[in-house]
Amino acid sequence: MKVSDWMTADVITVPPTARLSDAWELMRRQRIKHLLVTGRQWLLGIISDRDIRRALGSQAARLAAWQSMPSLEAVTVDKVMIRSPITIDPDGSVSEAAALMLERGIGALPVIGPDGVCGIITRSDVVRALPSWTGVSQAASEPHALAMAD
């Protein structure tokens, strides 16, 4: 199974100059945990919700609104992002992606093709691919189907 079959191609990106507060809000609105940082379609870095929380320390957990701390408005994504992240080719295998994520303790890999960023594959995508990968049918892996089989 190829990464290109399971990745999210409609990737959400931010420029390195984006404010951290805007990146956090975008992640919250889109219900995602990773943003690719790009410039002219080329990958510059990646930032996760965990990176943002780590950068802000325990204050992040207590914030009701980013605007309540004006100093956060001055912090840009390029100050917190992971530069030169581990990437994978769209023709790479899902098992290779899973192994890289497990080995490196990361939750996502930017997918880079000849023309730059073409997607992102996350742990969730790998889990979604698991039934196909292992030969278990999708229906058999659903909780209600298993209960009915008993």
Protein backbone atom coordinates (compact mmCIF):
# COMPACT_ATOMS: atom_id res chain seq x y z
CA MET A 1 0.00 0.00 0.00
CA LYS A 2 1.36 3.34 -1.03
CA VAL A 3 1.38 6.49 1.10
CA SER A 4 -0.37 8.35 -1.73
CA ASP A 5 -3.40 6.07 -1.30
CA TRP A 6 -3.87 7.01 2.38
CA MET A 7 -2.41 10.51 2.82
CA THR A 8 -4.42 13.69 3.08
CA ALA A 9 -3.72 15.52 -0.17
CA ASP A 10 -5.67 18.67 0.69
CA VAL A 11 -3.07 19.72 3.23
CA ILE A 12 -3.49 22.81 5.41
CA THR A 13 -0.39 24.98 5.56
CA VAL A 14 0.81 28.18 7.18
CA PRO A 15 3.66 30.53 6.33
CA PRO A 16 6.57 30.78 8.77
CA THR A 17 5.48 34.33 9.62
CA ALA A 18 2.04 33.25 10.85
CA ARG A 19 1.32 34.08 14.46
CA LEU A 20 1.32 31.13 16.81
CA SER A 21 -2.11 32.14 18.04
CA ASP A 22 -3.45 31.98 14.47
CA ALA A 23 -1.88 28.56 13.90
CA TRP A 24 -3.44 27.26 17.13
CA GLU A 25 -6.84 28.64 16.17
CA LEU A 26 -6.58 27.10 12.68
CA MET A 27 -5.77 23.69 14.18
CA ARG A 28 -8.68 23.99 16.57
CA ARG A 29 -11.11 25.04 13.83
CA GLN A 30 -9.98 22.34 11.39
CA ARG A 31 -9.70 19.68 14.14
CA ILE A 32 -6.15 18.78 13.17
CA LYS A 33 -2.96 18.31 15.17
CA HIS A 34 -0.32 19.21 12.57
CA LEU A 35 0.31 22.09 10.21
CA LEU A 36 2.92 22.13 7.49
CA VAL A 37 4.93 25.33 7.29
CA THR A 38 5.56 26.21 3.68
CA GLY A 39 6.97 28.91 1.46
CA ARG A 40 6.11 28.80 -2.24
CA GLN A 41 4.88 25.19 -1.96
CA TRP A 42 8.21 24.07 -0.45
CA LEU A 43 8.33 22.57 3.01
CA LEU A 44 10.09 24.67 5.63
CA GLY A 45 8.90 22.83 8.72
CA ILE A 46 6.04 21.27 10.66
CA ILE A 47 4.29 22.36 13.83
CA SER A 48 2.02 20.31 16.05
CA ASP A 49 -0.40 21.23 18.78
CA ARG A 50 2.06 19.59 21.17
CA ASP A 51 4.86 21.90 19.95
CA ILE A 52 2.68 24.91 20.66
CA ARG A 53 1.70 23.68 24.12
CA ARG A 54 5.33 22.89 24.93
CA ALA A 55 6.45 26.34 23.77
CA LEU A 56 3.89 28.02 26.00
CA GLY A 57 4.35 25.76 28.99
CA SER A 58 1.53 25.36 31.45
CA GLN A 59 0.00 28.68 30.42
CA ALA A 60 -1.49 27.10 27.29
CA ALA A 61 -3.72 24.81 29.33
CA ARG A 62 -5.17 27.75 31.22
CA LEU A 63 -5.87 30.01 28.27
CA ALA A 64 -9.51 30.64 27.47
CA ALA A 65 -8.59 32.96 24.59
CA TRP A 66 -5.25 33.74 23.00
CA GLN A 67 -6.06 37.42 23.05
CA SER A 68 -5.90 37.37 26.83
CA MET A 69 -2.08 37.25 26.55
CA PRO A 70 -0.81 39.97 24.20
CA SER A 71 2.73 38.55 24.27
CA LEU A 72 1.50 35.49 22.36
CA GLU A 73 0.56 37.65 19.43
CA ALA A 74 4.23 38.42 18.82
CA VAL A 75 5.38 34.78 18.60
CA THR A 76 5.55 33.42 15.05
CA VAL A 77 5.41 29.82 13.84
CA ASP A 78 9.04 29.84 12.69
CA LYS A 79 10.17 30.24 16.31
CA VAL A 80 8.50 26.97 17.34
CA MET A 81 8.29 24.78 14.22
CA ILE A 82 10.41 21.70 13.65
CA ARG A 83 12.80 22.56 10.84
CA SER A 84 13.79 19.93 8.29
CA PRO A 85 11.18 17.39 9.41
CA ILE A 86 11.35 13.74 8.45
CA THR A 87 9.41 13.27 5.21
CA ILE A 88 8.23 10.46 3.01
CA ASP A 89 7.74 10.01 -0.73
CA PRO A 90 4.18 9.49 -2.03
CA ASP A 91 5.33 6.14 -3.48
CA GLY A 92 6.65 5.03 -0.07
CA SER A 93 4.76 2.29 1.73
CA VAL A 94 2.33 2.82 4.58
CA SER A 95 4.33 0.31 6.61
CA GLU A 96 7.47 2.44 6.08
CA ALA A 97 5.53 5.52 7.23
CA ALA A 98 4.29 3.64 10.32
CA ALA A 99 7.81 2.46 11.15
CA LEU A 100 9.25 5.99 10.80
CA MET A 101 6.55 7.47 13.03
CA LEU A 102 7.03 4.78 15.66
CA GLU A 103 10.83 4.92 15.58
CA ARG A 104 10.98 8.71 15.77
CA GLY A 105 8.03 9.21 18.12
CA ILE A 106 6.18 11.50 15.73
CA GLY A 107 2.55 11.68 14.71
CA ALA A 108 2.80 12.83 11.10
CA LEU A 109 5.01 12.85 8.04
CA PRO A 110 4.89 15.47 5.32
CA VAL A 111 4.63 13.81 1.91
CA ILE A 112 7.02 15.35 -0.60
CA GLY A 113 6.93 14.70 -4.32
CA PRO A 114 9.02 16.13 -7.17
CA ASP A 115 6.98 19.34 -7.18
CA GLY A 116 7.06 19.91 -3.42
CA VAL A 117 4.46 19.25 -0.74
CA CYS A 118 1.74 16.91 -1.95
CA GLY A 119 0.21 15.76 1.34
CA ILE A 120 0.57 14.59 4.90
CA ILE A 121 0.16 11.16 6.42
CA THR A 122 -0.68 10.90 10.11
CA ARG A 123 -1.02 8.13 12.67
CA SER A 124 -4.77 8.28 12.10
CA ASP A 125 -4.26 7.62 8.37
CA VAL A 126 -2.07 4.63 9.18
CA VAL A 127 -4.71 3.26 11.57
CA ARG A 128 -7.35 3.82 8.87
CA ALA A 129 -5.22 1.77 6.46
CA LEU A 130 -4.69 -1.04 8.96
CA PRO A 131 -7.69 -3.22 7.97
CA SER A 132 -6.55 -3.23 4.32
CA TRP A 133 -2.96 -3.78 5.35
CA THR A 134 -3.71 -6.77 7.56
CA GLY A 135 -6.39 -8.31 5.38
CA VAL A 136 -9.12 -7.77 7.97
CA SER A 137 -12.30 -6.57 6.31
CA GLN A 138 -13.57 -3.12 7.20
CA ALA A 139 -16.93 -4.52 8.34
CA ALA A 140 -15.32 -7.09 10.64
CA SER A 141 -13.30 -4.38 12.35
CA GLU A 142 -16.34 -2.32 13.30
CA PRO A 143 -17.48 -2.90 16.92
CA HIS A 144 -21.14 -3.46 16.04
CA ALA A 145 -20.23 -6.06 13.37
CA LEU A 146 -18.14 -7.98 15.89
CA ALA A 147 -20.95 -7.93 18.45
CA MET A 148 -23.42 -9.24 15.86
CA ALA A 149 -21.06 -12.09 14.95
CA ASP A 150 -21.05 -13.46 18.52
